[in-house]
Amino acid sequence: MEQIVVFAATNTFMGLSASSHEDVLDLVVSYAKQETIEPLRGALRWILWGLASMAFICTGLVFIVLGVVRASQDLLGNSFQHSWSFVSYFVGVLACGIVVAIALRSIKKDSL
């Protein structure tokens, strides 16, 4: 009588079952998401807040400089006419430089 030997197909490799392989794969995928996607989202949020702040600060700076130029034209009156008319604009540029210097001085964060 012949004996038929049947080999049972098992889902094991190096002592790990198929569900263990899936667990390892899930662990690797979740680790990759944690270390790549989440920091990128944080950086994107940081950049978007910076861009919005920059837009508002630039708009405000334009209004401040226009106000300073107009105020210097009113205050200086007819003293600086014709060839000296650039003085009001120079005062505006000076005010802009002061605001930029204050902004650069207040930057303390080096990285994300």
PDB file of N, CA and C in Angstrom:
ATOM      1  N   MET A   1       0.808  -1.151   0.000  1.00  0.00           N
ATOM      2  CA  MET A   1       0.000   0.000   0.000  1.00  0.00           C
ATOM      3  C   MET A   1       0.872   1.243   0.000  1.00  0.00           C
ATOM      4  N   GLU A   2       0.536   2.156  -0.839  1.00  0.00           N
ATOM      5  CA  GLU A   2       1.312   3.385  -0.964  1.00  0.00           C
ATOM      6  C   GLU A   2       0.772   4.433  -0.011  1.00  0.00           C
ATOM      7  N   GLN A   3       1.703   5.140   0.568  1.00  0.00           N
ATOM      8  CA  GLN A   3       1.287   6.246   1.418  1.00  0.00           C
ATOM      9  C   GLN A   3       1.460   7.555   0.644  1.00  0.00           C
ATOM     10  N   ILE A   4       0.472   8.361   0.714  1.00  0.00           N
ATOM     11  CA  ILE A   4       0.529   9.669   0.073  1.00  0.00           C
ATOM     12  C   ILE A   4       0.840  10.683   1.164  1.00  0.00           C
ATOM     13  N   VAL A   5       1.940  11.375   0.941  1.00  0.00           N
ATOM     14  CA  VAL A   5       2.347  12.379   1.898  1.00  0.00           C
ATOM     15  C   VAL A   5       1.856  13.738   1.391  1.00  0.00           C
ATOM     16  N   VAL A   6       1.111  14.391   2.216  1.00  0.00           N
ATOM     17  CA  VAL A   6       0.582  15.705   1.861  1.00  0.00           C
ATOM     18  C   VAL A   6       1.308  16.738   2.712  1.00  0.00           C
ATOM     19  N   PHE A   7       1.908  17.698   2.022  1.00  0.00           N
ATOM     20  CA  PHE A   7       2.561  18.799   2.724  1.00  0.00           C
ATOM     21  C   PHE A   7       1.558  19.937   2.866  1.00  0.00           C
ATOM     22  N   ALA A   8       1.340  20.307   4.055  1.00  0.00           N
ATOM     23  CA  ALA A   8       0.412  21.413   4.297  1.00  0.00           C
ATOM     24  C   ALA A   8       1.137  22.727   4.014  1.00  0.00           C
ATOM     25  N   ALA A   9       0.496  23.529   3.234  1.00  0.00           N
ATOM     26  CA  ALA A   9       1.081  24.832   2.921  1.00  0.00           C
ATOM     27  C   ALA A   9       0.821  25.758   4.109  1.00  0.00           C
ATOM     28  N   THR A  10       1.888  26.227   4.671  1.00  0.00           N
ATOM     29  CA  THR A  10       1.751  27.144   5.803  1.00  0.00           C
ATOM     30  C   THR A  10       2.206  28.523   5.366  1.00  0.00           C
ATOM     31  N   ASN A  11       1.660  29.488   5.991  1.00  0.00           N
ATOM     32  CA  ASN A  11       2.010  30.876   5.683  1.00  0.00           C
ATOM     33  C   ASN A  11       3.045  31.380   6.675  1.00  0.00           C
ATOM     34  N   THR A  12       4.128  30.661   6.767  1.00  0.00           N
ATOM     35  CA  THR A  12       5.172  31.093   7.682  1.00  0.00           C
ATOM     36  C   THR A  12       6.462  31.295   6.916  1.00  0.00           C
ATOM     37  N   PHE A  13       7.214  32.248   7.381  1.00  0.00           N
ATOM     38  CA  PHE A  13       8.530  32.509   6.828  1.00  0.00           C
ATOM     39  C   PHE A  13       9.408  32.921   7.983  1.00  0.00           C
ATOM     40  N   MET A  14      10.438  32.206   8.188  1.00  0.00           N
ATOM     41  CA  MET A  14      11.377  32.456   9.270  1.00  0.00           C
ATOM     42  C   MET A  14      10.653  32.514  10.622  1.00  0.00           C
ATOM     43  N   GLY A  15       9.656  31.667  10.764  1.00  0.00           N
ATOM     44  CA  GLY A  15       8.969  31.574  12.037  1.00  0.00           C
ATOM     45  C   GLY A  15       7.887  32.611  12.242  1.00  0.00           C
ATOM     46  N   LEU A  16       7.628  33.462  11.244  1.00  0.00           N
ATOM     47  CA  LEU A  16       6.598  34.493  11.375  1.00  0.00           C
ATOM     48  C   LEU A  16       5.400  34.106  10.533  1.00  0.00           C
ATOM     49  N   SER A  17       4.234  34.319  11.052  1.00  0.00           N
ATOM     50  CA  SER A  17       3.031  34.011  10.288  1.00  0.00           C
ATOM     51  C   SER A  17       2.726  35.162   9.333  1.00  0.00           C
ATOM     52  N   ALA A  18       1.752  34.936   8.447  1.00  0.00           N
ATOM     53  CA  ALA A  18       1.392  35.962   7.465  1.00  0.00           C
ATOM     54  C   ALA A  18       0.857  37.205   8.156  1.00  0.00           C
ATOM     55  N   SER A  19       0.135  37.038   9.229  1.00  0.00           N
ATOM     56  CA  SER A  19      -0.386  38.208   9.928  1.00  0.00           C
ATOM     57  C   SER A  19       0.746  39.008  10.567  1.00  0.00           C
ATOM     58  N   SER A  20       1.822  38.336  10.966  1.00  0.00           N
ATOM     59  CA  SER A  20       2.974  39.042  11.521  1.00  0.00           C
ATOM     60  C   SER A  20       3.657  39.879  10.444  1.00  0.00           C
ATOM     61  N   HIS A  21       3.714  39.336   9.217  1.00  0.00           N
ATOM     62  CA  HIS A  21       4.284  40.114   8.107  1.00  0.00           C
ATOM     63  C   HIS A  21       3.456  41.367   7.870  1.00  0.00           C
ATOM     64  N   GLU A  22       2.134  41.227   7.921  1.00  0.00           N
ATOM     65  CA  GLU A  22       1.268  42.383   7.728  1.00  0.00           C
ATOM     66  C   GLU A  22       1.450  43.391   8.859  1.00  0.00           C
ATOM     67  N   ASP A  23       1.645  42.889  10.067  1.00  0.00           N
ATOM     68  CA  ASP A  23       1.884  43.782  11.199  1.00  0.00           C
ATOM     69  C   ASP A  23       3.180  44.561  11.032  1.00  0.00           C
ATOM     70  N   VAL A  24       4.218  43.866  10.577  1.00  0.00           N
ATOM     71  CA  VAL A  24       5.508  44.529  10.362  1.00  0.00           C
ATOM     72  C   VAL A  24       5.374  45.583   9.258  1.00  0.00           C
ATOM     73  N   LEU A  25       4.665  45.213   8.184  1.00  0.00           N
ATOM     74  CA  LEU A  25       4.455  46.158   7.089  1.00  0.00           C
ATOM     75  C   LEU A  25       3.666  47.376   7.574  1.00  0.00           C
ATOM     76  N   ASP A  26       2.615  47.155   8.359  1.00  0.00           N
ATOM     77  CA  ASP A  26       1.849  48.266   8.913  1.00  0.00           C
ATOM     78  C   ASP A  26       2.712  49.135   9.822  1.00  0.00           C
ATOM     79  N   LEU A  27       3.574  48.513  10.589  1.00  0.00           N
ATOM     80  CA  LEU A  27       4.458  49.257  11.478  1.00  0.00           C
ATOM     81  C   LEU A  27       5.424  50.132  10.682  1.00  0.00           C
ATOM     82  N   VAL A  28       5.986  49.576   9.613  1.00  0.00           N
ATOM     83  CA  VAL A  28       6.923  50.338   8.779  1.00  0.00           C
ATOM     84  C   VAL A  28       6.203  51.497   8.096  1.00  0.00           C
ATOM     85  N   VAL A  29       4.999  51.248   7.585  1.00  0.00           N
ATOM     86  CA  VAL A  29       4.240  52.301   6.907  1.00  0.00           C
ATOM     87  C   VAL A  29       3.862  53.405   7.887  1.00  0.00           C
ATOM     88  N   SER A  30       3.397  53.046   9.068  1.00  0.00           N
ATOM     89  CA  SER A  30       3.028  54.071  10.051  1.00  0.00           C
ATOM     90  C   SER A  30       4.252  54.860  10.514  1.00  0.00           C
ATOM     91  N   TYR A  31       5.394  54.195  10.648  1.00  0.00           N
ATOM     92  CA  TYR A  31       6.614  54.908  11.023  1.00  0.00           C
ATOM     93  C   TYR A  31       7.038  55.883   9.926  1.00  0.00           C
ATOM     94  N   ALA A  32       6.935  55.447   8.671  1.00  0.00           N
ATOM     95  CA  ALA A  32       7.298  56.326   7.556  1.00  0.00           C
ATOM     96  C   ALA A  32       6.378  57.542   7.514  1.00  0.00           C
ATOM     97  N   LYS A  33       5.087  57.343   7.751  1.00  0.00           N
ATOM     98  CA  LYS A  33       4.157  58.473   7.782  1.00  0.00           C
ATOM     99  C   LYS A  33       4.495  59.421   8.923  1.00  0.00           C
ATOM    100  N   GLN A  34       4.800  58.841  10.073  1.00  0.00           N
ATOM    101  CA  GLN A  34       5.107  59.650  11.249  1.00  0.00           C
ATOM    102  C   GLN A  34       6.351  60.502  11.029  1.00  0.00           C
ATOM    103  N   GLU A  35       7.343  59.953  10.380  1.00  0.00           N
ATOM    104  CA  GLU A  35       8.620  60.642  10.231  1.00  0.00           C
ATOM    105  C   GLU A  35       8.720  61.493   8.973  1.00  0.00           C
ATOM    106  N   THR A  36       7.769  61.368   8.040  1.00  0.00           N
ATOM    107  CA  THR A  36       7.839  62.177   6.815  1.00  0.00           C
ATOM    108  C   THR A  36       6.637  63.086   6.636  1.00  0.00           C
ATOM    109  N   ILE A  37       5.456  62.531   6.678  1.00  0.00           N
ATOM    110  CA  ILE A  37       4.260  63.303   6.357  1.00  0.00           C
ATOM    111  C   ILE A  37       3.942  64.318   7.448  1.00  0.00           C
ATOM    112  N   GLU A  38       3.982  63.898   8.703  1.00  0.00           N
ATOM    113  CA  GLU A  38       3.642  64.819   9.786  1.00  0.00           C
ATOM    114  C   GLU A  38       4.611  66.004   9.883  1.00  0.00           C
ATOM    115  N   PRO A  39       5.929  65.807   9.770  1.00  0.00           N
ATOM    116  CA  PRO A  39       6.813  66.985   9.761  1.00  0.00           C
ATOM    117  C   PRO A  39       6.591  67.891   8.548  1.00  0.00           C
ATOM    118  N   LEU A  40       6.246  67.301   7.402  1.00  0.00           N
ATOM    119  CA  LEU A  40       5.970  68.125   6.221  1.00  0.00           C
ATOM    120  C   LEU A  40       4.704  68.945   6.414  1.00  0.00           C
ATOM    121  N   ARG A  41       3.696  68.354   7.058  1.00  0.00           N
ATOM    122  CA  ARG A  41       2.479  69.118   7.344  1.00  0.00           C
ATOM    123  C   ARG A  41       2.786  70.271   8.291  1.00  0.00           C
ATOM    124  N   GLY A  42       3.609  70.001   9.289  1.00  0.00           N
ATOM    125  CA  GLY A  42       3.989  71.063  10.221  1.00  0.00           C
ATOM    126  C   GLY A  42       4.761  72.169   9.522  1.00  0.00           C
ATOM    127  N   ALA A  43       5.658  71.793   8.634  1.00  0.00           N
ATOM    128  CA  ALA A  43       6.433  72.792   7.894  1.00  0.00           C
ATOM    129  C   ALA A  43       5.530  73.592   6.963  1.00  0.00           C
ATOM    130  N   LEU A  44       4.578  72.919   6.316  1.00  0.00           N
ATOM    131  CA  LEU A  44       3.651  73.611   5.425  1.00  0.00           C
ATOM    132  C   LEU A  44       2.797  74.598   6.210  1.00  0.00           C
ATOM    133  N   ARG A  45       2.332  74.200   7.374  1.00  0.00           N
ATOM    134  CA  ARG A  45       1.539  75.098   8.215  1.00  0.00           C
ATOM    135  C   ARG A  45       2.378  76.308   8.626  1.00  0.00           C
ATOM    136  N   TRP A  46       3.632  76.063   8.967  1.00  0.00           N
ATOM    137  CA  TRP A  46       4.540  77.131   9.376  1.00  0.00           C
ATOM    138  C   TRP A  46       4.773  78.110   8.225  1.00  0.00           C
ATOM    139  N   ILE A  47       4.955  77.570   7.021  1.00  0.00           N
ATOM    140  CA  ILE A  47       5.182  78.406   5.837  1.00  0.00           C
ATOM    141  C   ILE A  47       3.935  79.215   5.493  1.00  0.00           C
ATOM    142  N   LEU A  48       2.745  78.596   5.580  1.00  0.00           N
ATOM    143  CA  LEU A  48       1.515  79.319   5.262  1.00  0.00           C
ATOM    144  C   LEU A  48       1.264  80.461   6.241  1.00  0.00           C
ATOM    145  N   TRP A  49       1.511  80.229   7.524  1.00  0.00           N
ATOM    146  CA  TRP A  49       1.373  81.314   8.492  1.00  0.00           C
ATOM    147  C   TRP A  49       2.382  82.430   8.196  1.00  0.00           C
ATOM    148  N   GLY A  50       3.579  82.069   7.798  1.00  0.00           N
ATOM    149  CA  GLY A  50       4.587  83.062   7.453  1.00  0.00           C
ATOM    150  C   GLY A  50       4.202  83.882   6.236  1.00  0.00           C
ATOM    151  N   LEU A  51       3.637  83.222   5.224  1.00  0.00           N
ATOM    152  CA  LEU A  51       3.213  83.949   4.023  1.00  0.00           C
ATOM    153  C   LEU A  51       2.053  84.893   4.315  1.00  0.00           C
ATOM    154  N   ALA A  52       1.093  84.431   5.121  1.00  0.00           N
ATOM    155  CA  ALA A  52      -0.033  85.302   5.482  1.00  0.00           C
ATOM    156  C   ALA A  52       0.463  86.499   6.289  1.00  0.00           C
ATOM    157  N   SER A  53       1.357  86.242   7.221  1.00  0.00           N
ATOM    158  CA  SER A  53       1.919  87.338   8.022  1.00  0.00           C
ATOM    159  C   SER A  53       2.687  88.319   7.150  1.00  0.00           C
ATOM    160  N   MET A  54       3.446  87.785   6.202  1.00  0.00           N
ATOM    161  CA  MET A  54       4.214  88.643   5.313  1.00  0.00           C
ATOM    162  C   MET A  54       3.294  89.545   4.492  1.00  0.00           C
ATOM    163  N   ALA A  55       2.178  88.992   4.003  1.00  0.00           N
ATOM    164  CA  ALA A  55       1.247  89.795   3.208  1.00  0.00           C
ATOM    165  C   ALA A  55       0.668  90.939   4.039  1.00  0.00           C
ATOM    166  N   PHE A  56       0.267  90.633   5.271  1.00  0.00           N
ATOM    167  CA  PHE A  56      -0.304  91.680   6.114  1.00  0.00           C
ATOM    168  C   PHE A  56       0.739  92.715   6.529  1.00  0.00           C
ATOM    169  N   ILE A  57       1.930  92.263   6.842  1.00  0.00           N
ATOM    170  CA  ILE A  57       2.983  93.195   7.243  1.00  0.00           C
ATOM    171  C   ILE A  57       3.383  94.102   6.079  1.00  0.00           C
ATOM    172  N   CYS A  58       3.504  93.536   4.887  1.00  0.00           N
ATOM    173  CA  CYS A  58       3.866  94.355   3.721  1.00  0.00           C
ATOM    174  C   CYS A  58       2.784  95.375   3.398  1.00  0.00           C
ATOM    175  N   THR A  59       1.523  94.965   3.487  1.00  0.00           N
ATOM    176  CA  THR A  59       0.426  95.902   3.241  1.00  0.00           C
ATOM    177  C   THR A  59       0.446  97.028   4.270  1.00  0.00           C
ATOM    178  N   GLY A  60       0.624  96.664   5.528  1.00  0.00           N
ATOM    179  CA  GLY A  60       0.701  97.681   6.573  1.00  0.00           C
ATOM    180  C   GLY A  60       1.887  98.601   6.393  1.00  0.00           C
ATOM    181  N   LEU A  61       3.020  98.034   5.974  1.00  0.00           N
ATOM    182  CA  LEU A  61       4.218  98.848   5.755  1.00  0.00           C
ATOM    183  C   LEU A  61       4.015  99.856   4.631  1.00  0.00           C
ATOM    184  N   VAL A  62       3.331  99.439   3.573  1.00  0.00           N
ATOM    185  CA  VAL A  62       3.045 100.361   2.472  1.00  0.00           C
ATOM    186  C   VAL A  62       2.195 101.522   2.971  1.00  0.00           C
ATOM    187  N   PHE A  63       1.163 101.225   3.768  1.00  0.00           N
ATOM    188  CA  PHE A  63       0.309 102.294   4.291  1.00  0.00           C
ATOM    189  C   PHE A  63       1.076 103.212   5.249  1.00  0.00           C
ATOM    190  N   ILE A  64       1.945 102.644   6.060  1.00  0.00           N
ATOM    191  CA  ILE A  64       2.742 103.454   6.982  1.00  0.00           C
ATOM    192  C   ILE A  64       3.669 104.390   6.213  1.00  0.00           C
ATOM    193  N   VAL A  65       4.348 103.865   5.207  1.00  0.00           N
ATOM    194  CA  VAL A  65       5.278 104.694   4.437  1.00  0.00           C
ATOM    195  C   VAL A  65       4.526 105.782   3.670  1.00  0.00           C
ATOM    196  N   LEU A  66       3.373 105.431   3.092  1.00  0.00           N
ATOM    197  CA  LEU A  66       2.583 106.458   2.408  1.00  0.00           C
ATOM    198  C   LEU A  66       2.121 107.539   3.386  1.00  0.00           C
ATOM    199  N   GLY A  67       1.741 107.126   4.593  1.00  0.00           N
ATOM    200  CA  GLY A  67       1.343 108.098   5.605  1.00  0.00           C
ATOM    201  C   GLY A  67       2.492 108.990   6.033  1.00  0.00           C
ATOM    202  N   VAL A  68       3.678 108.399   6.169  1.00  0.00           N
ATOM    203  CA  VAL A  68       4.852 109.193   6.567  1.00  0.00           C
ATOM    204  C   VAL A  68       5.228 110.178   5.465  1.00  0.00           C
ATOM    205  N   VAL A  69       5.165 109.733   4.218  1.00  0.00           N
ATOM    206  CA  VAL A  69       5.495 110.639   3.102  1.00  0.00           C
ATOM    207  C   VAL A  69       4.497 111.785   3.045  1.00  0.00           C
ATOM    208  N   ARG A  70       3.218 111.443   3.184  1.00  0.00           N
ATOM    209  CA  ARG A  70       2.192 112.499   3.124  1.00  0.00           C
ATOM    210  C   ARG A  70       2.321 113.454   4.307  1.00  0.00           C
ATOM    211  N   ALA A  71       2.586 112.910   5.506  1.00  0.00           N
ATOM    212  CA  ALA A  71       2.752 113.768   6.683  1.00  0.00           C
ATOM    213  C   ALA A  71       3.980 114.666   6.540  1.00  0.00           C
ATOM    214  N   SER A  72       5.063 114.127   6.008  1.00  0.00           N
ATOM    215  CA  SER A  72       6.263 114.966   5.837  1.00  0.00           C
ATOM    216  C   SER A  72       6.041 116.040   4.787  1.00  0.00           C
ATOM    217  N   GLN A  73       5.238 115.738   3.763  1.00  0.00           N
ATOM    218  CA  GLN A  73       4.917 116.772   2.768  1.00  0.00           C
ATOM    219  C   GLN A  73       4.084 117.873   3.390  1.00  0.00           C
ATOM    220  N   ASP A  74       3.148 117.503   4.272  1.00  0.00           N
ATOM    221  CA  ASP A  74       2.322 118.523   4.920  1.00  0.00           C
ATOM    222  C   ASP A  74       3.124 119.327   5.938  1.00  0.00           C
ATOM    223  N   LEU A  75       3.947 118.645   6.724  1.00  0.00           N
ATOM    224  CA  LEU A  75       4.691 119.330   7.771  1.00  0.00           C
ATOM    225  C   LEU A  75       5.794 120.223   7.225  1.00  0.00           C
ATOM    226  N   LEU A  76       6.449 119.746   6.172  1.00  0.00           N
ATOM    227  CA  LEU A  76       7.538 120.538   5.612  1.00  0.00           C
ATOM    228  C   LEU A  76       7.015 121.678   4.743  1.00  0.00           C
ATOM    229  N   GLY A  77       5.788 121.529   4.269  1.00  0.00           N
ATOM    230  CA  GLY A  77       5.147 122.607   3.502  1.00  0.00           C
ATOM    231  C   GLY A  77       5.932 122.984   2.261  1.00  0.00           C
ATOM    232  N   ASN A  78       6.102 124.261   2.076  1.00  0.00           N
ATOM    233  CA  ASN A  78       6.781 124.790   0.889  1.00  0.00           C
ATOM    234  C   ASN A  78       8.291 124.881   1.060  1.00  0.00           C
ATOM    235  N   SER A  79       8.798 124.400   2.194  1.00  0.00           N
ATOM    236  CA  SER A  79      10.236 124.520   2.442  1.00  0.00           C
ATOM    237  C   SER A  79      11.046 123.711   1.443  1.00  0.00           C
ATOM    238  N   PHE A  80      10.551 122.540   1.088  1.00  0.00           N
ATOM    239  CA  PHE A  80      11.295 121.667   0.181  1.00  0.00           C
ATOM    240  C   PHE A  80      10.504 121.494  -1.113  1.00  0.00           C
ATOM    241  N   GLN A  81      10.613 122.455  -1.964  1.00  0.00           N
ATOM    242  CA  GLN A  81       9.955 122.423  -3.261  1.00  0.00           C
ATOM    243  C   GLN A  81      11.009 122.281  -4.351  1.00  0.00           C
ATOM    244  N   HIS A  82      10.565 121.962  -5.523  1.00  0.00           N
ATOM    245  CA  HIS A  82      11.373 121.868  -6.734  1.00  0.00           C
ATOM    246  C   HIS A  82      12.536 120.890  -6.580  1.00  0.00           C
ATOM    247  N   SER A  83      13.762 121.389  -6.441  1.00  0.00           N
ATOM    248  CA  SER A  83      14.911 120.484  -6.437  1.00  0.00           C
ATOM    249  C   SER A  83      15.060 119.739  -5.112  1.00  0.00           C
ATOM    250  N   TRP A  84      14.379 120.166  -4.062  1.00  0.00           N
ATOM    251  CA  TRP A  84      14.449 119.492  -2.759  1.00  0.00           C
ATOM    252  C   TRP A  84      13.204 118.643  -2.474  1.00  0.00           C
ATOM    253  N   SER A  85      12.424 118.340  -3.470  1.00  0.00           N
ATOM    254  CA  SER A  85      11.179 117.600  -3.253  1.00  0.00           C
ATOM    255  C   SER A  85      11.415 116.132  -2.886  1.00  0.00           C
ATOM    256  N   PHE A  86      12.617 115.662  -3.088  1.00  0.00           N
ATOM    257  CA  PHE A  86      12.938 114.265  -2.759  1.00  0.00           C
ATOM    258  C   PHE A  86      13.026 114.029  -1.254  1.00  0.00           C
ATOM    259  N   VAL A  87      13.120 115.062  -0.454  1.00  0.00           N
ATOM    260  CA  VAL A  87      13.315 114.919   0.987  1.00  0.00           C
ATOM    261  C   VAL A  87      12.151 114.152   1.628  1.00  0.00           C
ATOM    262  N   SER A  88      10.927 114.430   1.212  1.00  0.00           N
ATOM    263  CA  SER A  88       9.765 113.722   1.763  1.00  0.00           C
ATOM    264  C   SER A  88       9.855 112.231   1.470  1.00  0.00           C
ATOM    265  N   TYR A  89      10.277 111.895   0.273  1.00  0.00           N
ATOM    266  CA  TYR A  89      10.417 110.483  -0.080  1.00  0.00           C
ATOM    267  C   TYR A  89      11.583 109.837   0.668  1.00  0.00           C
ATOM    268  N   PHE A  90      12.615 110.579   0.893  1.00  0.00           N
ATOM    269  CA  PHE A  90      13.738 110.079   1.681  1.00  0.00           C
ATOM    270  C   PHE A  90      13.297 109.785   3.113  1.00  0.00           C
ATOM    271  N   VAL A  91      12.456 110.638   3.670  1.00  0.00           N
ATOM    272  CA  VAL A  91      11.912 110.400   5.010  1.00  0.00           C
ATOM    273  C   VAL A  91      11.073 109.117   5.009  1.00  0.00           C
ATOM    274  N   GLY A  92      10.307 108.876   3.950  1.00  0.00           N
ATOM    275  CA  GLY A  92       9.519 107.646   3.828  1.00  0.00           C
ATOM    276  C   GLY A  92      10.394 106.413   3.754  1.00  0.00           C
ATOM    277  N   VAL A  93      11.461 106.482   2.978  1.00  0.00           N
ATOM    278  CA  VAL A  93      12.395 105.357   2.880  1.00  0.00           C
ATOM    279  C   VAL A  93      13.092 105.128   4.213  1.00  0.00           C
ATOM    280  N   LEU A  94      13.422 106.200   4.900  1.00  0.00           N
ATOM    281  CA  LEU A  94      14.031 106.082   6.224  1.00  0.00           C
ATOM    282  C   LEU A  94      13.086 105.398   7.208  1.00  0.00           C
ATOM    283  N   ALA A  95      11.807 105.762   7.171  1.00  0.00           N
ATOM    284  CA  ALA A  95      10.812 105.115   8.032  1.00  0.00           C
ATOM    285  C   ALA A  95      10.683 103.632   7.689  1.00  0.00           C
ATOM    286  N   CYS A  96      10.714 103.313   6.411  1.00  0.00           N
ATOM    287  CA  CYS A  96      10.660 101.915   5.971  1.00  0.00           C
ATOM    288  C   CYS A  96      11.877 101.145   6.473  1.00  0.00           C
ATOM    289  N   GLY A  97      13.034 101.756   6.393  1.00  0.00           N
ATOM    290  CA  GLY A  97      14.254 101.109   6.892  1.00  0.00           C
ATOM    291  C   GLY A  97      14.208 100.866   8.390  1.00  0.00           C
ATOM    292  N   ILE A  98      13.614 101.795   9.134  1.00  0.00           N
ATOM    293  CA  ILE A  98      13.492 101.614  10.582  1.00  0.00           C
ATOM    294  C   ILE A  98      12.578 100.435  10.901  1.00  0.00           C
ATOM    295  N   VAL A  99      11.457 100.336  10.183  1.00  0.00           N
ATOM    296  CA  VAL A  99      10.530  99.215  10.411  1.00  0.00           C
ATOM    297  C   VAL A  99      11.197  97.895  10.052  1.00  0.00           C
ATOM    298  N   VAL A 100      11.927  97.843   8.961  1.00  0.00           N
ATOM    299  CA  VAL A 100      12.620  96.615   8.560  1.00  0.00           C
ATOM    300  C   VAL A 100      13.685  96.246   9.582  1.00  0.00           C
ATOM    301  N   ALA A 101      14.424  97.230  10.098  1.00  0.00           N
ATOM    302  CA  ALA A 101      15.441  96.953  11.109  1.00  0.00           C
ATOM    303  C   ALA A 101      14.819  96.397  12.380  1.00  0.00           C
ATOM    304  N   ILE A 102      13.674  96.940  12.794  1.00  0.00           N
ATOM    305  CA  ILE A 102      12.981  96.420  13.980  1.00  0.00           C
ATOM    306  C   ILE A 102      12.510  94.992  13.734  1.00  0.00           C
ATOM    307  N   ALA A 103      11.989  94.712  12.548  1.00  0.00           N
ATOM    308  CA  ALA A 103      11.517  93.361  12.230  1.00  0.00           C
ATOM    309  C   ALA A 103      12.674  92.367  12.215  1.00  0.00           C
ATOM    310  N   LEU A 104      13.792  92.735  11.614  1.00  0.00           N
ATOM    311  CA  LEU A 104      14.943  91.821  11.560  1.00  0.00           C
ATOM    312  C   LEU A 104      15.543  91.599  12.940  1.00  0.00           C
ATOM    313  N   ARG A 105      15.473  92.610  13.769  1.00  0.00           N
ATOM    314  CA  ARG A 105      16.026  92.475  15.118  1.00  0.00           C
ATOM    315  C   ARG A 105      15.181  91.531  15.970  1.00  0.00           C
ATOM    316  N   SER A 106      13.886  91.457  15.680  1.00  0.00           N
ATOM    317  CA  SER A 106      13.004  90.629  16.487  1.00  0.00           C
ATOM    318  C   SER A 106      12.983  89.165  16.052  1.00  0.00           C
ATOM    319  N   ILE A 107      13.641  88.817  14.958  1.00  0.00           N
ATOM    320  CA  ILE A 107      13.691  87.420  14.519  1.00  0.00           C
ATOM    321  C   ILE A 107      14.647  86.653  15.418  1.00  0.00           C
ATOM    322  N   LYS A 108      14.113  85.610  16.052  1.00  0.00           N
ATOM    323  CA  LYS A 108      14.933  84.826  16.972  1.00  0.00           C
ATOM    324  C   LYS A 108      14.960  83.354  16.634  1.00  0.00           C
ATOM    325  N   LYS A 109      13.984  82.876  15.868  1.00  0.00           N
ATOM    326  CA  LYS A 109      13.868  81.461  15.563  1.00  0.00           C
ATOM    327  C   LYS A 109      14.742  81.126  14.357  1.00  0.00           C
ATOM    328  N   ASP A 110      15.652  80.162  14.526  1.00  0.00           N
ATOM    329  CA  ASP A 110      16.589  79.823  13.467  1.00  0.00           C
ATOM    330  C   ASP A 110      16.050  78.776  12.486  1.00  0.00           C
ATOM    331  N   SER A 111      15.177  77.906  12.957  1.00  0.00           N
ATOM    332  CA  SER A 111      14.716  76.810  12.102  1.00  0.00           C
ATOM    333  C   SER A 111      13.248  76.561  12.337  1.00  0.00           C
ATOM    334  N   LEU A 112      12.731  75.578  11.613  1.00  0.00           N
ATOM    335  CA  LEU A 112      11.328  75.209  11.776  1.00  0.00           C
ATOM    336  C   LEU A 112      11.105  74.702  13.169  1.00  0.00           C
TER     337      LEU A 112
END
